[in-house]
Amino acid sequence: MLTYTFDVKTLEISEIANGQDVEFHIYVHGDAAMEQRVKDIQHDFEHNHVLMDVLFYAFKNHHYQFIVRKDYYEEFILSLMKHRLLTSVSWV
């Protein structure tokens, strides 16, 4: 199992298992650089070779939803780390 941490001053991240998917809700707290990082994650998955691995939705008030297939969970977490939304990732 992967665990991760993030800076609660700049964003909130929650995840919910939903059948064969995991839903991530990300709220950015007014940081334009962090908003761009979220969009960079979207870009990575929209332009890879696999369709339907991660779906992305943007809402008002800096709220983003990612629906991630369970078999892409680790790749998504590592993408969050790569784009510096997370401060640490570890196996438990």
N, C-alpha and C. Protein backbone atom coordinates (compact mmCIF):
# COMPACT_ATOMS: atom_id res chain seq x y z
N MET A 1 0.84 -1.18 0.00
CA MET A 1 0.00 0.00 0.00
C MET A 1 0.89 1.25 0.00
N LEU A 2 0.50 2.22 -0.78
CA LEU A 2 1.22 3.49 -0.82
C LEU A 2 0.60 4.48 0.15
N THR A 3 1.45 5.22 0.82
CA THR A 3 0.98 6.35 1.62
C THR A 3 1.69 7.59 1.10
N TYR A 4 1.07 8.73 1.30
CA TYR A 4 1.66 9.97 0.80
C TYR A 4 1.29 11.12 1.71
N THR A 5 2.08 12.18 1.62
CA THR A 5 1.80 13.40 2.35
C THR A 5 1.83 14.57 1.37
N PHE A 6 1.19 15.66 1.78
CA PHE A 6 1.14 16.88 0.97
C PHE A 6 1.05 18.07 1.89
N ASP A 7 1.30 19.24 1.36
CA ASP A 7 1.25 20.47 2.14
C ASP A 7 -0.20 20.93 2.28
N VAL A 8 -0.76 20.80 3.47
CA VAL A 8 -2.17 21.14 3.70
C VAL A 8 -2.44 22.64 3.59
N LYS A 9 -1.41 23.45 3.55
CA LYS A 9 -1.60 24.88 3.35
C LYS A 9 -1.94 25.22 1.91
N THR A 10 -1.49 24.37 0.97
CA THR A 10 -1.71 24.68 -0.44
C THR A 10 -2.79 23.83 -1.10
N LEU A 11 -3.08 22.65 -0.53
CA LEU A 11 -4.13 21.83 -1.15
C LEU A 11 -4.67 20.78 -0.19
N GLU A 12 -5.80 20.22 -0.60
CA GLU A 12 -6.42 19.08 0.09
C GLU A 12 -6.55 17.97 -0.94
N ILE A 13 -6.26 16.76 -0.51
CA ILE A 13 -6.43 15.60 -1.38
C ILE A 13 -7.20 14.54 -0.61
N SER A 14 -8.25 14.03 -1.22
CA SER A 14 -8.96 12.90 -0.63
C SER A 14 -9.18 11.86 -1.71
N GLU A 15 -9.28 10.62 -1.29
CA GLU A 15 -9.52 9.54 -2.26
C GLU A 15 -10.60 8.61 -1.71
N ILE A 16 -11.38 8.09 -2.64
CA ILE A 16 -12.50 7.21 -2.30
C ILE A 16 -12.50 6.05 -3.31
N ALA A 17 -12.50 4.82 -2.80
CA ALA A 17 -12.62 3.66 -3.69
C ALA A 17 -14.04 3.62 -4.23
N ASN A 18 -14.16 3.33 -5.53
CA ASN A 18 -15.47 3.28 -6.19
C ASN A 18 -15.44 2.17 -7.23
N GLY A 19 -15.76 0.96 -6.80
CA GLY A 19 -15.74 -0.18 -7.73
C GLY A 19 -14.34 -0.45 -8.22
N GLN A 20 -14.15 -0.42 -9.53
CA GLN A 20 -12.84 -0.66 -10.15
C GLN A 20 -11.99 0.60 -10.25
N ASP A 21 -12.45 1.69 -9.66
CA ASP A 21 -11.76 2.97 -9.75
C ASP A 21 -11.49 3.54 -8.36
N VAL A 22 -10.64 4.55 -8.35
CA VAL A 22 -10.41 5.35 -7.15
C VAL A 22 -10.64 6.81 -7.55
N GLU A 23 -11.49 7.50 -6.82
CA GLU A 23 -11.77 8.91 -7.09
C GLU A 23 -10.90 9.77 -6.19
N PHE A 24 -10.18 10.69 -6.80
CA PHE A 24 -9.38 11.66 -6.07
C PHE A 24 -10.04 13.02 -6.21
N HIS A 25 -10.22 13.70 -5.10
CA HIS A 25 -10.70 15.08 -5.09
C HIS A 25 -9.55 15.94 -4.60
N ILE A 26 -9.19 16.91 -5.41
CA ILE A 26 -8.09 17.80 -5.09
C ILE A 26 -8.61 19.23 -5.07
N TYR A 27 -8.39 19.91 -3.95
CA TYR A 27 -8.77 21.31 -3.78
C TYR A 27 -7.50 22.12 -3.64
N VAL A 28 -7.31 23.09 -4.52
CA VAL A 28 -6.13 23.96 -4.47
C VAL A 28 -6.51 25.24 -3.75
N HIS A 29 -5.70 25.64 -2.80
CA HIS A 29 -5.98 26.82 -1.99
C HIS A 29 -5.30 28.06 -2.56
N GLY A 30 -5.79 28.54 -3.71
CA GLY A 30 -5.37 29.82 -4.26
C GLY A 30 -3.93 29.94 -4.71
N ASP A 31 -3.30 28.85 -5.05
CA ASP A 31 -1.92 28.87 -5.49
C ASP A 31 -1.88 28.59 -6.99
N ALA A 32 -1.59 29.62 -7.80
CA ALA A 32 -1.62 29.47 -9.26
C ALA A 32 -0.61 28.44 -9.75
N ALA A 33 0.56 28.38 -9.13
CA ALA A 33 1.56 27.39 -9.54
C ALA A 33 1.05 25.97 -9.29
N MET A 34 0.38 25.77 -8.17
CA MET A 34 -0.16 24.45 -7.85
C MET A 34 -1.30 24.09 -8.82
N GLU A 35 -2.10 25.06 -9.19
CA GLU A 35 -3.17 24.82 -10.18
C GLU A 35 -2.56 24.34 -11.50
N GLN A 36 -1.46 24.95 -11.91
CA GLN A 36 -0.81 24.53 -13.15
C GLN A 36 -0.27 23.11 -13.03
N ARG A 37 0.22 22.75 -11.87
CA ARG A 37 0.73 21.39 -11.66
C ARG A 37 -0.40 20.36 -11.80
N VAL A 38 -1.58 20.70 -11.30
CA VAL A 38 -2.74 19.81 -11.45
C VAL A 38 -3.06 19.64 -12.94
N LYS A 39 -3.02 20.72 -13.68
CA LYS A 39 -3.28 20.66 -15.11
C LYS A 39 -2.20 19.88 -15.86
N ASP A 40 -0.97 19.93 -15.36
CA ASP A 40 0.11 19.15 -15.96
C ASP A 40 -0.14 17.65 -15.78
N ILE A 41 -0.69 17.26 -14.65
CA ILE A 41 -1.05 15.86 -14.43
C ILE A 41 -2.12 15.45 -15.42
N GLN A 42 -3.13 16.29 -15.57
CA GLN A 42 -4.18 16.02 -16.56
C GLN A 42 -3.56 15.82 -17.94
N HIS A 43 -2.67 16.70 -18.32
CA HIS A 43 -2.03 16.63 -19.64
C HIS A 43 -1.28 15.31 -19.82
N ASP A 44 -0.56 14.89 -18.79
CA ASP A 44 0.19 13.63 -18.88
C ASP A 44 -0.71 12.46 -19.23
N PHE A 45 -1.84 12.36 -18.55
CA PHE A 45 -2.71 11.21 -18.76
C PHE A 45 -3.58 11.35 -20.01
N GLU A 46 -3.89 12.56 -20.41
CA GLU A 46 -4.66 12.74 -21.64
C GLU A 46 -3.82 12.43 -22.88
N HIS A 47 -2.51 12.54 -22.76
CA HIS A 47 -1.64 12.35 -23.92
C HIS A 47 -0.79 11.09 -23.84
N ASN A 48 -1.15 10.16 -22.98
CA ASN A 48 -0.43 8.89 -22.98
C ASN A 48 -1.13 7.91 -23.92
N HIS A 49 -0.64 6.70 -24.00
CA HIS A 49 -1.15 5.73 -24.96
C HIS A 49 -2.39 4.97 -24.50
N VAL A 50 -2.85 5.17 -23.27
CA VAL A 50 -3.98 4.41 -22.73
C VAL A 50 -5.20 5.32 -22.58
N LEU A 51 -6.30 4.93 -23.21
CA LEU A 51 -7.54 5.66 -23.02
C LEU A 51 -8.22 5.18 -21.74
N MET A 52 -8.88 6.05 -21.07
CA MET A 52 -9.71 5.72 -19.91
C MET A 52 -8.92 5.24 -18.69
N ASP A 53 -7.62 5.54 -18.60
CA ASP A 53 -6.88 5.18 -17.39
C ASP A 53 -7.16 6.18 -16.28
N VAL A 54 -7.27 7.46 -16.64
CA VAL A 54 -7.57 8.52 -15.69
C VAL A 54 -8.51 9.50 -16.37
N LEU A 55 -9.64 9.77 -15.73
CA LEU A 55 -10.56 10.79 -16.22
C LEU A 55 -10.41 12.03 -15.34
N PHE A 56 -10.58 13.21 -15.91
CA PHE A 56 -10.34 14.46 -15.22
C PHE A 56 -11.56 15.36 -15.33
N TYR A 57 -11.93 15.98 -14.22
CA TYR A 57 -13.02 16.95 -14.21
C TYR A 57 -12.59 18.16 -13.40
N ALA A 58 -12.85 19.34 -13.93
CA ALA A 58 -12.56 20.59 -13.22
C ALA A 58 -13.87 21.23 -12.81
N PHE A 59 -13.92 21.71 -11.57
CA PHE A 59 -15.11 22.35 -11.02
C PHE A 59 -14.76 23.75 -10.56
N LYS A 60 -15.76 24.48 -10.15
CA LYS A 60 -15.54 25.83 -9.60
C LYS A 60 -14.75 25.74 -8.30
N ASN A 61 -14.22 26.87 -7.89
CA ASN A 61 -13.54 27.00 -6.61
C ASN A 61 -12.31 26.11 -6.47
N HIS A 62 -11.57 25.94 -7.57
CA HIS A 62 -10.29 25.23 -7.54
C HIS A 62 -10.42 23.78 -7.10
N HIS A 63 -11.51 23.14 -7.49
CA HIS A 63 -11.78 21.75 -7.15
C HIS A 63 -11.60 20.90 -8.41
N TYR A 64 -10.83 19.82 -8.28
CA TYR A 64 -10.57 18.92 -9.39
C TYR A 64 -10.88 17.50 -8.96
N GLN A 65 -11.38 16.72 -9.89
CA GLN A 65 -11.65 15.32 -9.62
C GLN A 65 -10.93 14.48 -10.67
N PHE A 66 -10.23 13.46 -10.20
CA PHE A 66 -9.59 12.48 -11.06
C PHE A 66 -10.20 11.13 -10.73
N ILE A 67 -10.66 10.42 -11.74
CA ILE A 67 -11.15 9.06 -11.56
C ILE A 67 -10.10 8.15 -12.18
N VAL A 68 -9.49 7.35 -11.33
CA VAL A 68 -8.31 6.57 -11.70
C VAL A 68 -8.66 5.08 -11.65
N ARG A 69 -8.39 4.36 -12.74
CA ARG A 69 -8.53 2.91 -12.71
C ARG A 69 -7.56 2.36 -11.67
N LYS A 70 -8.02 1.35 -10.90
CA LYS A 70 -7.18 0.81 -9.83
C LYS A 70 -5.83 0.32 -10.33
N ASP A 71 -5.77 -0.19 -11.54
CA ASP A 71 -4.49 -0.67 -12.05
C ASP A 71 -3.55 0.46 -12.45
N TYR A 72 -4.00 1.71 -12.38
CA TYR A 72 -3.16 2.87 -12.63
C TYR A 72 -2.95 3.72 -11.38
N TYR A 73 -3.35 3.20 -10.23
CA TYR A 73 -3.26 3.93 -8.96
C TYR A 73 -1.81 4.37 -8.67
N GLU A 74 -0.88 3.43 -8.71
CA GLU A 74 0.51 3.76 -8.39
C GLU A 74 1.08 4.77 -9.38
N GLU A 75 0.76 4.59 -10.66
CA GLU A 75 1.24 5.54 -11.67
C GLU A 75 0.70 6.95 -11.40
N PHE A 76 -0.56 7.03 -10.99
CA PHE A 76 -1.16 8.33 -10.70
C PHE A 76 -0.48 8.97 -9.48
N ILE A 77 -0.27 8.19 -8.43
CA ILE A 77 0.39 8.73 -7.23
C ILE A 77 1.79 9.23 -7.59
N LEU A 78 2.51 8.46 -8.39
CA LEU A 78 3.85 8.89 -8.79
C LEU A 78 3.80 10.14 -9.66
N SER A 79 2.75 10.31 -10.44
CA SER A 79 2.58 11.54 -11.21
C SER A 79 2.34 12.73 -10.29
N LEU A 80 1.56 12.52 -9.23
CA LEU A 80 1.37 13.59 -8.25
C LEU A 80 2.70 14.00 -7.63
N MET A 81 3.53 13.00 -7.36
CA MET A 81 4.86 13.28 -6.79
C MET A 81 5.74 13.98 -7.81
N LYS A 82 5.73 13.47 -9.04
CA LYS A 82 6.55 14.06 -10.11
C LYS A 82 6.24 15.54 -10.30
N HIS A 83 4.97 15.89 -10.21
CA HIS A 83 4.57 17.29 -10.41
C HIS A 83 4.52 18.08 -9.11
N ARG A 84 5.07 17.50 -8.06
CA ARG A 84 5.27 18.16 -6.76
C ARG A 84 3.99 18.58 -6.05
N LEU A 85 2.93 17.80 -6.23
CA LEU A 85 1.75 18.00 -5.39
C LEU A 85 1.94 17.28 -4.06
N LEU A 86 2.73 16.23 -4.07
CA LEU A 86 3.00 15.48 -2.85
C LEU A 86 4.38 15.83 -2.33
N THR A 87 4.53 15.71 -1.00
CA THR A 87 5.84 15.96 -0.40
C THR A 87 6.57 14.67 -0.10
N SER A 88 5.82 13.55 0.00
CA SER A 88 6.47 12.25 0.19
C SER A 88 5.55 11.14 -0.25
N VAL A 89 6.16 10.03 -0.65
CA VAL A 89 5.44 8.81 -1.02
C VAL A 89 6.24 7.66 -0.43
N SER A 90 5.53 6.71 0.19
CA SER A 90 6.24 5.55 0.74
C SER A 90 5.35 4.31 0.70
N TRP A 91 6.01 3.16 0.66
CA TRP A 91 5.31 1.87 0.74
C TRP A 91 5.15 1.49 2.20
N VAL A 92 3.97 0.98 2.54
CA VAL A 92 3.72 0.54 3.91
C VAL A 92 3.43 -0.95 3.89
